[in-house]
């Protein structure tokens, strides 16, 4: 894959794909940044929200607000 998956408090929130920060399109994320472009990180993937990283305060609020909507991490098989 060669890209980066991003976690916040143990949950996947998105990733960095081809120098783009893409976050999962949760309901609250779509409300906070309604005009965000939706892009596909790689072939066969679902659309994600393209986020501008210049506004660090917005990014912090966005990630904290979307955290409760994200699924719990799955159990790892041993």
Protein backbone atom coordinates (compact mmCIF):
# COMPACT_ATOMS: atom_id res chain seq x y z
CA UNK A 1 0.00 0.00 0.00
CA UNK A 2 2.75 2.49 0.85
CA UNK A 3 0.39 4.94 2.52
CA UNK A 4 -0.36 5.78 6.17
CA UNK A 5 -3.41 4.82 8.22
CA UNK A 6 -4.21 7.32 10.99
CA UNK A 7 -5.52 6.34 14.41
CA UNK A 8 -6.98 8.44 17.20
CA UNK A 9 -7.35 6.79 20.60
CA UNK A 10 -7.15 3.36 18.97
CA UNK A 11 -9.74 3.96 16.23
CA UNK A 12 -9.03 4.42 12.53
CA UNK A 13 -9.96 7.98 11.51
CA UNK A 14 -8.52 8.05 8.00
CA UNK A 15 -5.18 8.13 6.30
CA UNK A 16 -2.65 9.91 4.18
CA UNK A 17 -2.90 8.84 0.55
CA UNK A 18 -0.79 10.41 -2.21
CA UNK A 19 -0.02 13.41 0.03
CA UNK A 20 -3.73 13.95 0.82
CA UNK A 21 -5.29 13.80 4.28
CA UNK A 22 -8.51 11.83 3.91
CA UNK A 23 -10.84 11.20 6.84
CA UNK A 24 -13.78 8.84 7.20
CA UNK A 25 -17.01 10.60 6.20
CA UNK A 26 -18.90 10.35 9.49
CA UNK A 27 -22.13 12.28 9.94
CA UNK A 28 -20.56 14.91 12.20
CA UNK A 29 -17.49 15.31 9.96
CA UNK A 30 -19.78 15.98 6.99
CA UNK A 31 -21.65 18.56 9.08
CA UNK A 32 -18.48 20.33 10.25
CA UNK A 33 -16.96 20.51 6.76
CA UNK A 34 -19.98 20.24 4.43
CA UNK A 35 -18.10 21.56 1.39
CA UNK A 36 -15.20 19.11 1.69
CA UNK A 37 -14.39 17.28 -1.50
CA UNK A 38 -14.89 13.53 -1.45
CA UNK A 39 -12.10 11.47 -2.92
CA UNK A 40 -11.27 7.81 -3.27
CA UNK A 41 -7.95 6.97 -1.60
CA UNK A 42 -7.22 3.97 -3.84
CA UNK A 43 -9.03 1.82 -6.36
CA UNK A 44 -11.86 -0.14 -4.78
CA UNK A 45 -12.04 2.01 -1.62
CA UNK A 46 -14.98 4.05 -0.36
CA UNK A 47 -15.02 7.83 -0.68
CA UNK A 48 -13.42 9.83 2.10
CA UNK A 49 -13.35 13.52 3.00
CA UNK A 50 -10.38 15.55 1.75
CA UNK A 51 -9.26 17.74 4.65
CA UNK A 52 -7.10 20.86 4.57
CA UNK A 53 -4.41 20.57 7.22
CA UNK A 54 -3.66 24.31 7.40
CA UNK A 55 -6.43 24.96 9.95
CA UNK A 56 -5.12 22.96 12.90
CA UNK A 57 -7.90 24.03 15.27
CA UNK A 58 -10.57 22.86 12.81
CA UNK A 59 -8.71 19.58 12.37
CA UNK A 60 -8.56 19.04 16.14
CA UNK A 61 -12.28 19.78 16.58
CA UNK A 62 -13.15 17.57 13.63
CA UNK A 63 -11.23 14.54 14.88
CA UNK A 64 -12.53 14.85 18.43
CA UNK A 65 -16.12 15.27 17.22
CA UNK A 66 -16.02 12.29 14.88
CA UNK A 67 -14.41 9.93 17.42
CA UNK A 68 -17.70 8.77 19.07
CA UNK A 69 -19.15 7.85 15.65
CA UNK A 70 -16.23 5.62 14.67
CA UNK A 71 -16.51 1.85 15.16
CA UNK A 72 -14.57 0.15 17.91
CA UNK A 73 -11.45 -1.63 16.67
CA UNK A 74 -11.92 -5.31 15.89
CA UNK A 75 -10.32 -8.06 17.90
CA UNK A 76 -7.02 -9.28 16.48
CA UNK A 77 -6.68 -12.95 15.66
CA UNK A 78 -3.67 -14.70 17.13
